[in-house]
C-alpha atoms as a PDB file:
ATOM      1  CA  MET A   1       0.000   0.000   0.000  1.00  0.00           C
ATOM      2  CA  GLY A   2       1.284   3.483  -0.828  1.00  0.00           C
ATOM      3  CA  ILE A   3       0.351   7.088  -0.349  1.00  0.00           C
ATOM      4  CA  ASN A   4       0.113   9.532  -3.233  1.00  0.00           C
ATOM      5  CA  LYS A   5      -0.674  12.942  -1.735  1.00  0.00           C
ATOM      6  CA  VAL A   6       0.632  16.345  -2.815  1.00  0.00           C
ATOM      7  CA  VAL A   7       0.061  19.681  -1.086  1.00  0.00           C
ATOM      8  CA  LEU A   8       1.594  22.820  -2.612  1.00  0.00           C
ATOM      9  CA  ILE A   9       1.382  26.557  -2.065  1.00  0.00           C
ATOM     10  CA  GLY A  10       2.559  28.811  -4.850  1.00  0.00           C
ATOM     11  CA  ARG A  11       1.666  31.416  -7.447  1.00  0.00           C
ATOM     12  CA  LEU A  12       0.124  30.948 -10.875  1.00  0.00           C
ATOM     13  CA  THR A  13       2.616  31.733 -13.639  1.00  0.00           C
ATOM     14  CA  LYS A  14      -0.070  32.910 -16.099  1.00  0.00           C
ATOM     15  CA  ASP A  15      -3.829  33.217 -16.532  1.00  0.00           C
ATOM     16  CA  VAL A  16      -5.571  29.866 -16.925  1.00  0.00           C
ATOM     17  CA  GLU A  17      -7.854  28.894 -19.796  1.00  0.00           C
ATOM     18  CA  LEU A  18     -10.795  26.499 -19.417  1.00  0.00           C
ATOM     19  CA  ARG A  19     -11.046  23.845 -22.133  1.00  0.00           C
ATOM     20  CA  ALA A  20     -13.433  20.979 -22.813  1.00  0.00           C
ATOM     21  CA  THR A  21     -12.625  17.420 -23.811  1.00  0.00           C
ATOM     22  CA  PRO A  22     -14.526  15.736 -26.672  1.00  0.00           C
ATOM     23  CA  SER A  23     -16.627  13.948 -24.020  1.00  0.00           C
ATOM     24  CA  GLY A  24     -17.629  17.292 -22.457  1.00  0.00           C
ATOM     25  CA  SER A  25     -15.450  17.283 -19.328  1.00  0.00           C
ATOM     26  CA  GLU A  26     -13.943  20.634 -18.423  1.00  0.00           C
ATOM     27  CA  VAL A  27     -10.208  20.831 -17.795  1.00  0.00           C
ATOM     28  CA  CYS A  28      -7.479  23.387 -17.240  1.00  0.00           C
ATOM     29  CA  CYS A  29      -3.719  23.010 -17.065  1.00  0.00           C
ATOM     30  CA  PHE A  30      -1.509  25.485 -15.235  1.00  0.00           C
ATOM     31  CA  THR A  31       1.944  25.913 -13.794  1.00  0.00           C
ATOM     32  CA  LEU A  32       2.475  26.712 -10.148  1.00  0.00           C
ATOM     33  CA  ALA A  33       5.671  28.517  -9.076  1.00  0.00           C
ATOM     34  CA  VAL A  34       6.629  27.180  -5.639  1.00  0.00           C
ATOM     35  CA  ASP A  35       9.421  28.823  -3.643  1.00  0.00           C
ATOM     36  CA  ASP A  36      11.817  26.706  -1.612  1.00  0.00           C
ATOM     37  CA  TYR A  37      15.042  27.140   0.305  1.00  0.00           C
ATOM     38  CA  ASN A  38      17.653  24.486  -0.454  1.00  0.00           C
ATOM     39  CA  GLY A  39      19.989  25.389   2.412  1.00  0.00           C
ATOM     40  CA  LYS A  40      22.059  27.835   0.391  1.00  0.00           C
ATOM     41  CA  GLU A  41      19.630  29.965  -1.594  1.00  0.00           C
ATOM     42  CA  ASN A  42      15.992  30.467  -2.483  1.00  0.00           C
ATOM     43  CA  VAL A  43      14.913  28.507  -5.526  1.00  0.00           C
ATOM     44  CA  ALA A  44      11.648  28.262  -7.430  1.00  0.00           C
ATOM     45  CA  TYR A  45      10.144  25.082  -8.789  1.00  0.00           C
ATOM     46  CA  PHE A  46       7.667  25.265 -11.651  1.00  0.00           C
ATOM     47  CA  ILE A  47       5.178  22.435 -11.226  1.00  0.00           C
ATOM     48  CA  GLY A  48       2.588  21.419 -13.792  1.00  0.00           C
ATOM     49  CA  CYS A  49      -0.946  20.943 -12.511  1.00  0.00           C
ATOM     50  CA  VAL A  50      -4.244  19.846 -14.037  1.00  0.00           C
ATOM     51  CA  ALA A  51      -7.753  20.427 -12.658  1.00  0.00           C
ATOM     52  CA  TRP A  52     -11.023  18.929 -13.848  1.00  0.00           C
ATOM     53  CA  ASN A  53     -14.699  19.969 -13.889  1.00  0.00           C
ATOM     54  CA  GLN A  54     -15.757  22.111 -10.877  1.00  0.00           C
ATOM     55  CA  THR A  55     -12.176  22.575  -9.706  1.00  0.00           C
ATOM     56  CA  ALA A  56     -11.179  23.715 -13.206  1.00  0.00           C
ATOM     57  CA  LYS A  57     -14.093  26.179 -13.278  1.00  0.00           C
ATOM     58  CA  PHE A  58     -13.019  27.592  -9.906  1.00  0.00           C
ATOM     59  CA  VAL A  59      -9.415  28.084 -11.017  1.00  0.00           C
ATOM     60  CA  THR A  60     -10.318  29.796 -14.284  1.00  0.00           C
ATOM     61  CA  THR A  61     -12.956  32.008 -12.653  1.00  0.00           C
ATOM     62  CA  TYR A  62     -11.196  33.205  -9.496  1.00  0.00           C
ATOM     63  CA  CYS A  63      -7.451  32.675  -9.971  1.00  0.00           C
ATOM     64  CA  LYS A  64      -5.310  34.929 -12.164  1.00  0.00           C
ATOM     65  CA  LYS A  65      -1.624  35.242 -12.978  1.00  0.00           C
ATOM     66  CA  GLY A  66       0.252  35.808  -9.711  1.00  0.00           C
ATOM     67  CA  SER A  67      -2.557  34.506  -7.476  1.00  0.00           C
ATOM     68  CA  LEU A  68      -1.343  32.723  -4.358  1.00  0.00           C
ATOM     69  CA  ILE A  69      -3.118  29.361  -4.216  1.00  0.00           C
ATOM     70  CA  ALA A  70      -2.985  26.080  -2.328  1.00  0.00           C
ATOM     71  CA  VAL A  71      -3.284  22.850  -4.287  1.00  0.00           C
ATOM     72  CA  ASP A  72      -4.189  19.477  -2.835  1.00  0.00           C
ATOM     73  CA  GLY A  73      -4.039  16.434  -5.097  1.00  0.00           C
ATOM     74  CA  LYS A  74      -2.022  13.476  -6.326  1.00  0.00           C
ATOM     75  CA  LEU A  75       0.985  12.987  -8.558  1.00  0.00           C
ATOM     76  CA  GLN A  76       0.376  11.428 -11.965  1.00  0.00           C
ATOM     77  CA  THR A  77       2.718  10.414 -14.780  1.00  0.00           C
ATOM     78  CA  ARG A  78       1.463  10.032 -18.343  1.00  0.00           C
ATOM     79  CA  SER A  79       3.014   9.822 -21.769  1.00  0.00           C
ATOM     80  CA  TYR A  80       2.166  10.704 -25.346  1.00  0.00           C
ATOM     81  CA  ASP A  81       3.858  10.456 -28.748  1.00  0.00           C
ATOM     82  CA  ARG A  82       4.936  13.584 -30.617  1.00  0.00           C
ATOM     83  CA  ASN A  83       4.411  13.930 -34.360  1.00  0.00           C
ATOM     84  CA  ASP A  84       8.080  13.018 -34.905  1.00  0.00           C
ATOM     85  CA  GLY A  85       7.531   9.715 -33.089  1.00  0.00           C
ATOM     86  CA  THR A  86       9.348  10.540 -29.846  1.00  0.00           C
ATOM     87  CA  LYS A  87       7.665   9.629 -26.597  1.00  0.00           C
ATOM     88  CA  VAL A  88       7.151  12.416 -24.052  1.00  0.00           C
ATOM     89  CA  TYR A  89       6.630  11.734 -20.352  1.00  0.00           C
ATOM     90  CA  VAL A  90       4.757  14.252 -18.226  1.00  0.00           C
ATOM     91  CA  THR A  91       4.558  14.292 -14.437  1.00  0.00           C
ATOM     92  CA  GLU A  92       1.883  16.593 -13.029  1.00  0.00           C
ATOM     93  CA  VAL A  93      -0.318  17.177 -10.012  1.00  0.00           C
ATOM     94  CA  VAL A  94      -3.958  16.235 -10.511  1.00  0.00           C
ATOM     95  CA  CYS A  95      -5.782  18.722  -8.286  1.00  0.00           C
ATOM     96  CA  ALA A  96      -8.586  17.512  -6.045  1.00  0.00           C
ATOM     97  CA  ASN A  97      -8.907  20.892  -4.287  1.00  0.00           C
ATOM     98  CA  VAL A  98      -7.664  24.404  -5.005  1.00  0.00           C
ATOM     99  CA  GLN A  99      -7.956  27.304  -2.562  1.00  0.00           C
ATOM    100  CA  LEU A 100      -7.317  30.963  -3.248  1.00  0.00           C
ATOM    101  CA  LEU A 101      -5.145  32.201  -0.356  1.00  0.00           C
ATOM    102  CA  GLN A 102      -5.318  35.948  -0.817  1.00  0.00           C
ATOM    103  CA  SER A 103      -8.036  38.463  -1.398  1.00  0.00           C
ATOM    104  CA  LYS A 104      -8.310  40.543  -4.547  1.00  0.00           C
ATOM    105  CA  PRO A 105      -5.803  43.379  -4.949  1.00  0.00           C
ATOM    106  CA  LYS A 106      -7.002  46.741  -3.640  1.00  0.00           C
ATOM    107  CA  GLU A 107      -7.725  48.156  -7.090  1.00  0.00           C
ATOM    108  CA  GLU A 108     -10.190  45.290  -7.740  1.00  0.00           C
ATOM    109  CA  LYS A 109     -12.007  45.554  -4.400  1.00  0.00           C
ATOM    110  CA  GLN A 110     -15.340  47.261  -4.263  1.00  0.00           C
ATOM    111  CA  GLU A 111     -15.551  50.474  -2.329  1.00  0.00           C
ATOM    112  CA  THR A 112     -17.220  50.160   1.047  1.00  0.00           C
ATOM    113  CA  PRO A 113     -19.438  53.030   2.131  1.00  0.00           C
ATOM    114  CA  ASP A 114     -18.302  55.220   4.987  1.00  0.00           C
ATOM    115  CA  VAL A 115     -20.029  54.334   8.235  1.00  0.00           C
ATOM    116  CA  LYS A 116     -20.946  57.191  10.508  1.00  0.00           C
ATOM    117  CA  GLU A 117     -20.881  56.607  14.213  1.00  0.00           C
ATOM    118  CA  ASP A 118     -24.208  56.890  15.935  1.00  0.00           C
ATOM    119  CA  ASP A 119     -24.191  58.719  19.248  1.00  0.00           C
ATOM    120  CA  ASN A 120     -26.669  56.131  20.529  1.00  0.00           C
ATOM    121  CA  MET A 121     -24.219  53.287  19.943  1.00  0.00           C
ATOM    122  CA  LEU A 122     -22.347  52.417  23.108  1.00  0.00           C
ATOM    123  CA  PRO A 123     -19.219  50.274  23.136  1.00  0.00           C
ATOM    124  CA  PHE A 124     -19.404  46.949  24.924  1.00  0.00           C
ATOM    125  CA  GLU A 125     -18.180  47.195  28.462  1.00  0.00           C
ATOM    126  CA  ASN A 126     -17.575  43.459  28.531  1.00  0.00           C
ATOM    127  CA  ASP A 127     -16.852  41.303  25.490  1.00  0.00           C
ATOM    128  CA  GLU A 128     -18.643  38.240  26.911  1.00  0.00           C
ATOM    129  CA  PHE A 129     -21.720  39.209  24.880  1.00  0.00           C
ATOM    130  CA  LEU A 130     -19.881  39.177  21.544  1.00  0.00           C
ATOM    131  CA  PRO A 131     -20.771  36.171  19.395  1.00  0.00           C
ATOM    132  CA  PHE A 132     -17.129  35.456  18.564  1.00  0.00           C
END
């Protein structure tokens, strides 16, 4: 018995495009830039990822180039033949879950209206009544 589990945090290297397979499944492929420290210097690894269906829709809708995301999935190796007959092997992360780890940049946020203080509002003397 083995374990095939991958968890990564990194930034998207470019905007992601949603595609459809001939059978109608939705898919997107993207590269995640993951920083690491190897004991001497900071290095970046560029890791190929693939997401399917709802996860693919989420990535293409909410994640843009430079977005900090967390990926949870499994490692997969596949191969295909090029037109010249050479075999190409690809190792990638098949994403089960993707989470956006940062909010939108300030220029994309909606303005919040100014809230005026009401003289009738009194601060809590004791925070035991707060719901959190």
